[in-house]
């Protein structure tokens, strides 16, 4: 049997919308109450990076596979 593909699903830390992501590559930030890393959707990351660039900071890097399925064997 070959390895399948999987994608994690969860709410975005920024907007709360449920989205799919690669659990090892998705941008995430620590929750201020729990310290656990929470995933951030592509739309929110685009907004975060627009604001960072506008104030002269470098954008946060986003892995090219951040919002893509992953081989199930990697999970």
PDB file of N, CA and C in Angstrom:
ATOM      1  N   UNK A   1       0.849  -1.171   0.000  1.00  0.00           N
ATOM      2  CA  UNK A   1       0.000   0.000   0.000  1.00  0.00           C
ATOM      3  C   UNK A   1       0.896   1.236   0.000  1.00  0.00           C
ATOM      4  N   UNK A   2       0.668   2.153  -0.892  1.00  0.00           N
ATOM      5  CA  UNK A   2       1.455   3.377  -0.972  1.00  0.00           C
ATOM      6  C   UNK A   2       1.031   4.392   0.072  1.00  0.00           C
ATOM      7  N   UNK A   3       1.933   5.298   0.324  1.00  0.00           N
ATOM      8  CA  UNK A   3       1.623   6.370   1.293  1.00  0.00           C
ATOM      9  C   UNK A   3       0.622   7.329   0.672  1.00  0.00           C
ATOM     10  N   UNK A   4      -0.338   7.756   1.444  1.00  0.00           N
ATOM     11  CA  UNK A   4      -1.321   8.726   0.988  1.00  0.00           C
ATOM     12  C   UNK A   4      -0.861  10.134   1.302  1.00  0.00           C
ATOM     13  N   UNK A   5      -1.715  11.054   1.022  1.00  0.00           N
ATOM     14  CA  UNK A   5      -1.440  12.459   1.298  1.00  0.00           C
ATOM     15  C   UNK A   5      -2.402  12.929   2.377  1.00  0.00           C
ATOM     16  N   UNK A   6      -1.949  13.848   3.186  1.00  0.00           N
ATOM     17  CA  UNK A   6      -2.790  14.359   4.264  1.00  0.00           C
ATOM     18  C   UNK A   6      -2.586  15.866   4.378  1.00  0.00           C
ATOM     19  N   UNK A   7      -3.568  16.501   4.939  1.00  0.00           N
ATOM     20  CA  UNK A   7      -3.462  17.925   5.222  1.00  0.00           C
ATOM     21  C   UNK A   7      -4.112  18.159   6.586  1.00  0.00           C
ATOM     22  N   UNK A   8      -3.453  18.944   7.408  1.00  0.00           N
ATOM     23  CA  UNK A   8      -4.019  19.280   8.710  1.00  0.00           C
ATOM     24  C   UNK A   8      -5.075  20.361   8.510  1.00  0.00           C
ATOM     25  N   UNK A   9      -6.054  20.380   9.371  1.00  0.00           N
ATOM     26  CA  UNK A   9      -7.103  21.392   9.334  1.00  0.00           C
ATOM     27  C   UNK A   9      -7.210  22.006  10.717  1.00  0.00           C
ATOM     28  N   UNK A  10      -7.421  23.311  10.764  1.00  0.00           N
ATOM     29  CA  UNK A  10      -7.593  23.966  12.050  1.00  0.00           C
ATOM     30  C   UNK A  10      -7.933  25.426  11.865  1.00  0.00           C
ATOM     31  N   UNK A  11      -8.315  26.086  12.944  1.00  0.00           N
ATOM     32  CA  UNK A  11      -8.651  27.505  12.855  1.00  0.00           C
ATOM     33  C   UNK A  11      -7.398  28.376  12.813  1.00  0.00           C
ATOM     34  N   UNK A  12      -7.493  29.449  12.057  1.00  0.00           N
ATOM     35  CA  UNK A  12      -6.405  30.422  11.972  1.00  0.00           C
ATOM     36  C   UNK A  12      -6.326  31.210  13.282  1.00  0.00           C
ATOM     37  N   UNK A  13      -5.116  31.397  13.774  1.00  0.00           N
ATOM     38  CA  UNK A  13      -4.888  32.171  14.996  1.00  0.00           C
ATOM     39  C   UNK A  13      -5.321  33.627  14.804  1.00  0.00           C
ATOM     40  N   UNK A  14      -5.249  34.130  13.565  1.00  0.00           N
ATOM     41  CA  UNK A  14      -5.605  35.523  13.302  1.00  0.00           C
ATOM     42  C   UNK A  14      -7.094  35.754  13.127  1.00  0.00           C
ATOM     43  N   UNK A  15      -7.708  35.025  12.190  1.00  0.00           N
ATOM     44  CA  UNK A  15      -9.100  35.305  11.832  1.00  0.00           C
ATOM     45  C   UNK A  15     -10.093  34.242  12.304  1.00  0.00           C
ATOM     46  N   UNK A  16      -9.601  33.082  12.719  1.00  0.00           N
ATOM     47  CA  UNK A  16     -10.473  32.024  13.193  1.00  0.00           C
ATOM     48  C   UNK A  16     -11.042  31.123  12.114  1.00  0.00           C
ATOM     49  N   UNK A  17     -10.809  31.464  10.844  1.00  0.00           N
ATOM     50  CA  UNK A  17     -11.323  30.650   9.738  1.00  0.00           C
ATOM     51  C   UNK A  17     -10.595  29.309   9.718  1.00  0.00           C
ATOM     52  N   UNK A  18     -11.326  28.205   9.511  1.00  0.00           N
ATOM     53  CA  UNK A  18     -10.713  26.886   9.400  1.00  0.00           C
ATOM     54  C   UNK A  18     -10.066  26.780   8.022  1.00  0.00           C
ATOM     55  N   UNK A  19      -8.817  26.294   7.993  1.00  0.00           N
ATOM     56  CA  UNK A  19      -8.091  26.170   6.730  1.00  0.00           C
ATOM     57  C   UNK A  19      -7.204  24.936   6.780  1.00  0.00           C
ATOM     58  N   UNK A  20      -6.725  24.514   5.605  1.00  0.00           N
ATOM     59  CA  UNK A  20      -5.831  23.368   5.503  1.00  0.00           C
ATOM     60  C   UNK A  20      -4.389  23.831   5.438  1.00  0.00           C
ATOM     61  N   UNK A  21      -3.491  23.021   6.046  1.00  0.00           N
ATOM     62  CA  UNK A  21      -2.085  23.402   6.068  1.00  0.00           C
ATOM     63  C   UNK A  21      -1.187  22.196   6.292  1.00  0.00           C
ATOM     64  N   UNK A  22       0.075  22.355   5.935  1.00  0.00           N
ATOM     65  CA  UNK A  22       1.111  21.363   6.207  1.00  0.00           C
ATOM     66  C   UNK A  22       1.577  21.623   7.631  1.00  0.00           C
ATOM     67  N   UNK A  23       1.411  20.685   8.548  1.00  0.00           N
ATOM     68  CA  UNK A  23       1.681  20.961   9.960  1.00  0.00           C
ATOM     69  C   UNK A  23       3.132  21.286  10.292  1.00  0.00           C
ATOM     70  N   UNK A  24       4.058  20.891   9.427  1.00  0.00           N
ATOM     71  CA  UNK A  24       5.467  21.155   9.702  1.00  0.00           C
ATOM     72  C   UNK A  24       5.973  22.446   9.065  1.00  0.00           C
ATOM     73  N   UNK A  25       5.188  23.032   8.179  1.00  0.00           N
ATOM     74  CA  UNK A  25       5.662  24.207   7.436  1.00  0.00           C
ATOM     75  C   UNK A  25       4.789  25.449   7.573  1.00  0.00           C
ATOM     76  N   UNK A  26       3.594  25.318   8.117  1.00  0.00           N
ATOM     77  CA  UNK A  26       2.689  26.462   8.217  1.00  0.00           C
ATOM     78  C   UNK A  26       3.271  27.508   9.183  1.00  0.00           C
ATOM     79  N   UNK A  27       3.149  28.795   8.857  1.00  0.00           N
ATOM     80  CA  UNK A  27       3.563  29.809   9.822  1.00  0.00           C
ATOM     81  C   UNK A  27       2.690  29.701  11.073  1.00  0.00           C
ATOM     82  N   UNK A  28       3.302  29.904  12.217  1.00  0.00           N
ATOM     83  CA  UNK A  28       2.553  29.829  13.467  1.00  0.00           C
ATOM     84  C   UNK A  28       3.169  30.780  14.482  1.00  0.00           C
ATOM     85  N   UNK A  29       2.359  31.158  15.426  1.00  0.00           N
ATOM     86  CA  UNK A  29       2.792  32.071  16.473  1.00  0.00           C
ATOM     87  C   UNK A  29       2.348  31.515  17.819  1.00  0.00           C
ATOM     88  N   UNK A  30       3.094  31.793  18.879  1.00  0.00           N
ATOM     89  CA  UNK A  30       2.703  31.289  20.192  1.00  0.00           C
ATOM     90  C   UNK A  30       1.479  32.018  20.740  1.00  0.00           C
ATOM     91  N   UNK A  31       0.546  31.244  21.260  1.00  0.00           N
ATOM     92  CA  UNK A  31      -0.638  31.818  21.897  1.00  0.00           C
ATOM     93  C   UNK A  31      -0.189  32.488  23.194  1.00  0.00           C
ATOM     94  N   UNK A  32      -0.606  33.721  23.446  1.00  0.00           N
ATOM     95  CA  UNK A  32      -0.121  34.426  24.637  1.00  0.00           C
ATOM     96  C   UNK A  32      -0.526  33.775  25.957  1.00  0.00           C
ATOM     97  N   UNK A  33      -1.619  33.022  25.970  1.00  0.00           N
ATOM     98  CA  UNK A  33      -2.070  32.391  27.212  1.00  0.00           C
ATOM     99  C   UNK A  33      -1.450  31.013  27.436  1.00  0.00           C
ATOM    100  N   UNK A  34      -1.299  30.249  26.347  1.00  0.00           N
ATOM    101  CA  UNK A  34      -0.847  28.863  26.493  1.00  0.00           C
ATOM    102  C   UNK A  34       0.596  28.649  26.070  1.00  0.00           C
ATOM    103  N   UNK A  35       1.111  29.535  25.220  1.00  0.00           N
ATOM    104  CA  UNK A  35       2.455  29.349  24.679  1.00  0.00           C
ATOM    105  C   UNK A  35       2.502  28.343  23.544  1.00  0.00           C
ATOM    106  N   UNK A  36       1.373  27.659  23.276  1.00  0.00           N
ATOM    107  CA  UNK A  36       1.338  26.691  22.179  1.00  0.00           C
ATOM    108  C   UNK A  36       1.318  27.419  20.849  1.00  0.00           C
ATOM    109  N   UNK A  37       2.022  26.848  19.862  1.00  0.00           N
ATOM    110  CA  UNK A  37       2.080  27.472  18.544  1.00  0.00           C
ATOM    111  C   UNK A  37       0.753  27.256  17.825  1.00  0.00           C
ATOM    112  N   UNK A  38       0.217  28.335  17.263  1.00  0.00           N
ATOM    113  CA  UNK A  38      -1.074  28.307  16.574  1.00  0.00           C
ATOM    114  C   UNK A  38      -0.860  28.653  15.098  1.00  0.00           C
ATOM    115  N   UNK A  39      -1.483  27.898  14.161  1.00  0.00           N
ATOM    116  CA  UNK A  39      -1.293  28.140  12.729  1.00  0.00           C
ATOM    117  C   UNK A  39      -1.970  29.430  12.266  1.00  0.00           C
ATOM    118  N   UNK A  40      -1.395  30.013  11.210  1.00  0.00           N
ATOM    119  CA  UNK A  40      -1.923  31.256  10.640  1.00  0.00           C
ATOM    120  C   UNK A  40      -2.163  31.042   9.146  1.00  0.00           C
ATOM    121  N   UNK A  41      -3.364  31.398   8.676  1.00  0.00           N
ATOM    122  CA  UNK A  41      -3.732  31.197   7.274  1.00  0.00           C
ATOM    123  C   UNK A  41      -2.950  32.132   6.338  1.00  0.00           C
ATOM    124  N   UNK A  42      -2.977  31.812   5.062  1.00  0.00           N
ATOM    125  CA  UNK A  42      -2.252  32.593   4.070  1.00  0.00           C
ATOM    126  C   UNK A  42      -2.730  34.030   3.964  1.00  0.00           C
ATOM    127  N   UNK A  43      -4.037  34.251   4.096  1.00  0.00           N
ATOM    128  CA  UNK A  43      -4.561  35.605   3.999  1.00  0.00           C
ATOM    129  C   UNK A  43      -4.069  36.468   5.171  1.00  0.00           C
ATOM    130  N   UNK A  44      -4.082  35.899   6.366  1.00  0.00           N
ATOM    131  CA  UNK A  44      -3.597  36.649   7.530  1.00  0.00           C
ATOM    132  C   UNK A  44      -2.091  36.892   7.436  1.00  0.00           C
ATOM    133  N   UNK A  45      -1.353  35.890   6.950  1.00  0.00           N
ATOM    134  CA  UNK A  45       0.095  36.087   6.805  1.00  0.00           C
ATOM    135  C   UNK A  45       0.394  37.163   5.771  1.00  0.00           C
ATOM    136  N   UNK A  46      -0.408  37.222   4.707  1.00  0.00           N
ATOM    137  CA  UNK A  46      -0.215  38.277   3.705  1.00  0.00           C
ATOM    138  C   UNK A  46      -0.419  39.646   4.343  1.00  0.00           C
ATOM    139  N   UNK A  47      -1.426  39.783   5.197  1.00  0.00           N
ATOM    140  CA  UNK A  47      -1.682  41.054   5.877  1.00  0.00           C
ATOM    141  C   UNK A  47      -0.556  41.383   6.866  1.00  0.00           C
ATOM    142  N   UNK A  48      -0.125  40.397   7.633  1.00  0.00           N
ATOM    143  CA  UNK A  48       0.992  40.601   8.561  1.00  0.00           C
ATOM    144  C   UNK A  48       2.219  41.094   7.791  1.00  0.00           C
ATOM    145  N   UNK A  49       2.510  40.442   6.676  1.00  0.00           N
ATOM    146  CA  UNK A  49       3.692  40.827   5.908  1.00  0.00           C
ATOM    147  C   UNK A  49       3.538  42.196   5.251  1.00  0.00           C
ATOM    148  N   UNK A  50       2.338  42.551   4.806  1.00  0.00           N
ATOM    149  CA  UNK A  50       2.116  43.904   4.256  1.00  0.00           C
ATOM    150  C   UNK A  50       2.440  44.951   5.328  1.00  0.00           C
ATOM    151  N   UNK A  51       1.975  44.698   6.535  1.00  0.00           N
ATOM    152  CA  UNK A  51       2.220  45.658   7.626  1.00  0.00           C
ATOM    153  C   UNK A  51       3.702  45.714   7.997  1.00  0.00           C
ATOM    154  N   UNK A  52       4.363  44.565   8.018  1.00  0.00           N
ATOM    155  CA  UNK A  52       5.790  44.536   8.342  1.00  0.00           C
ATOM    156  C   UNK A  52       6.587  45.334   7.312  1.00  0.00           C
ATOM    157  N   UNK A  53       6.318  45.102   6.047  1.00  0.00           N
ATOM    158  CA  UNK A  53       7.034  45.796   4.971  1.00  0.00           C
ATOM    159  C   UNK A  53       6.752  47.292   5.030  1.00  0.00           C
ATOM    160  N   UNK A  54       5.504  47.667   5.317  1.00  0.00           N
ATOM    161  CA  UNK A  54       5.136  49.084   5.391  1.00  0.00           C
ATOM    162  C   UNK A  54       5.911  49.821   6.479  1.00  0.00           C
ATOM    163  N   UNK A  55       6.265  49.116   7.561  1.00  0.00           N
ATOM    164  CA  UNK A  55       7.026  49.789   8.612  1.00  0.00           C
ATOM    165  C   UNK A  55       8.531  49.558   8.489  1.00  0.00           C
ATOM    166  N   UNK A  56       8.945  48.942   7.384  1.00  0.00           N
ATOM    167  CA  UNK A  56      10.360  48.782   7.109  1.00  0.00           C
ATOM    168  C   UNK A  56      10.980  47.484   7.586  1.00  0.00           C
ATOM    169  N   UNK A  57      10.164  46.547   8.074  1.00  0.00           N
ATOM    170  CA  UNK A  57      10.671  45.249   8.517  1.00  0.00           C
ATOM    171  C   UNK A  57      10.611  44.244   7.366  1.00  0.00           C
ATOM    172  N   UNK A  58      11.438  43.232   7.457  1.00  0.00           N
ATOM    173  CA  UNK A  58      11.402  42.152   6.458  1.00  0.00           C
ATOM    174  C   UNK A  58      10.136  41.314   6.674  1.00  0.00           C
ATOM    175  N   UNK A  59       9.552  40.812   5.596  1.00  0.00           N
ATOM    176  CA  UNK A  59       8.382  39.950   5.766  1.00  0.00           C
ATOM    177  C   UNK A  59       8.790  38.623   6.394  1.00  0.00           C
ATOM    178  N   UNK A  60       7.848  38.006   7.132  1.00  0.00           N
ATOM    179  CA  UNK A  60       8.094  36.671   7.656  1.00  0.00           C
ATOM    180  C   UNK A  60       8.155  35.716   6.479  1.00  0.00           C
ATOM    181  N   UNK A  61       9.117  34.806   6.439  1.00  0.00           N
ATOM    182  CA  UNK A  61       9.175  33.836   5.339  1.00  0.00           C
ATOM    183  C   UNK A  61       8.034  32.826   5.454  1.00  0.00           C
ATOM    184  N   UNK A  62       7.521  32.419   4.315  1.00  0.00           N
ATOM    185  CA  UNK A  62       6.466  31.409   4.266  1.00  0.00           C
ATOM    186  C   UNK A  62       6.974  30.270   3.400  1.00  0.00           C
ATOM    187  N   UNK A  63       7.041  29.090   3.969  1.00  0.00           N
ATOM    188  CA  UNK A  63       7.516  27.913   3.240  1.00  0.00           C
ATOM    189  C   UNK A  63       6.590  27.665   2.047  1.00  0.00           C
ATOM    190  N   UNK A  64       7.149  27.287   0.886  1.00  0.00           N
ATOM    191  CA  UNK A  64       6.295  27.060  -0.294  1.00  0.00           C
ATOM    192  C   UNK A  64       5.251  25.957  -0.110  1.00  0.00           C
ATOM    193  N   UNK A  65       5.480  25.043   0.820  1.00  0.00           N
ATOM    194  CA  UNK A  65       4.517  23.964   1.059  1.00  0.00           C
ATOM    195  C   UNK A  65       3.617  24.222   2.260  1.00  0.00           C
ATOM    196  N   UNK A  66       3.620  25.424   2.786  1.00  0.00           N
ATOM    197  CA  UNK A  66       2.891  25.729   4.020  1.00  0.00           C
ATOM    198  C   UNK A  66       1.405  25.376   3.949  1.00  0.00           C
ATOM    199  N   UNK A  67       0.807  25.541   2.797  1.00  0.00           N
ATOM    200  CA  UNK A  67      -0.635  25.326   2.666  1.00  0.00           C
ATOM    201  C   UNK A  67      -0.949  24.185   1.702  1.00  0.00           C
ATOM    202  N   UNK A  68      -0.003  23.253   1.578  1.00  0.00           N
ATOM    203  CA  UNK A  68      -0.132  22.099   0.663  1.00  0.00           C
ATOM    204  C   UNK A  68      -0.243  20.812   1.463  1.00  0.00           C
ATOM    205  N   UNK A  69      -0.815  19.756   0.861  1.00  0.00           N
ATOM    206  CA  UNK A  69      -0.848  18.456   1.523  1.00  0.00           C
ATOM    207  C   UNK A  69       0.575  17.922   1.722  1.00  0.00           C
ATOM    208  N   UNK A  70       0.714  17.014   2.634  1.00  0.00           N
ATOM    209  CA  UNK A  70       1.990  16.378   2.922  1.00  0.00           C
ATOM    210  C   UNK A  70       1.852  14.861   2.805  1.00  0.00           C
ATOM    211  N   UNK A  71       2.904  14.182   2.401  1.00  0.00           N
ATOM    212  CA  UNK A  71       2.806  12.711   2.429  1.00  0.00           C
ATOM    213  C   UNK A  71       2.451  12.252   3.841  1.00  0.00           C
ATOM    214  N   UNK A  72       1.495  11.369   3.949  1.00  0.00           N
ATOM    215  CA  UNK A  72       1.023  10.906   5.257  1.00  0.00           C
ATOM    216  C   UNK A  72       2.150  10.331   6.098  1.00  0.00           C
ATOM    217  N   UNK A  73       3.168   9.777   5.463  1.00  0.00           N
ATOM    218  CA  UNK A  73       4.295   9.197   6.202  1.00  0.00           C
ATOM    219  C   UNK A  73       5.068  10.247   6.988  1.00  0.00           C
ATOM    220  N   UNK A  74       4.967  11.530   6.601  1.00  0.00           N
ATOM    221  CA  UNK A  74       5.680  12.596   7.298  1.00  0.00           C
ATOM    222  C   UNK A  74       4.959  13.052   8.561  1.00  0.00           C
ATOM    223  N   UNK A  75       3.704  12.668   8.725  1.00  0.00           N
ATOM    224  CA  UNK A  75       2.933  13.131   9.890  1.00  0.00           C
ATOM    225  C   UNK A  75       3.283  12.380  11.141  1.00  0.00           C
TER     226      UNK A  75
END
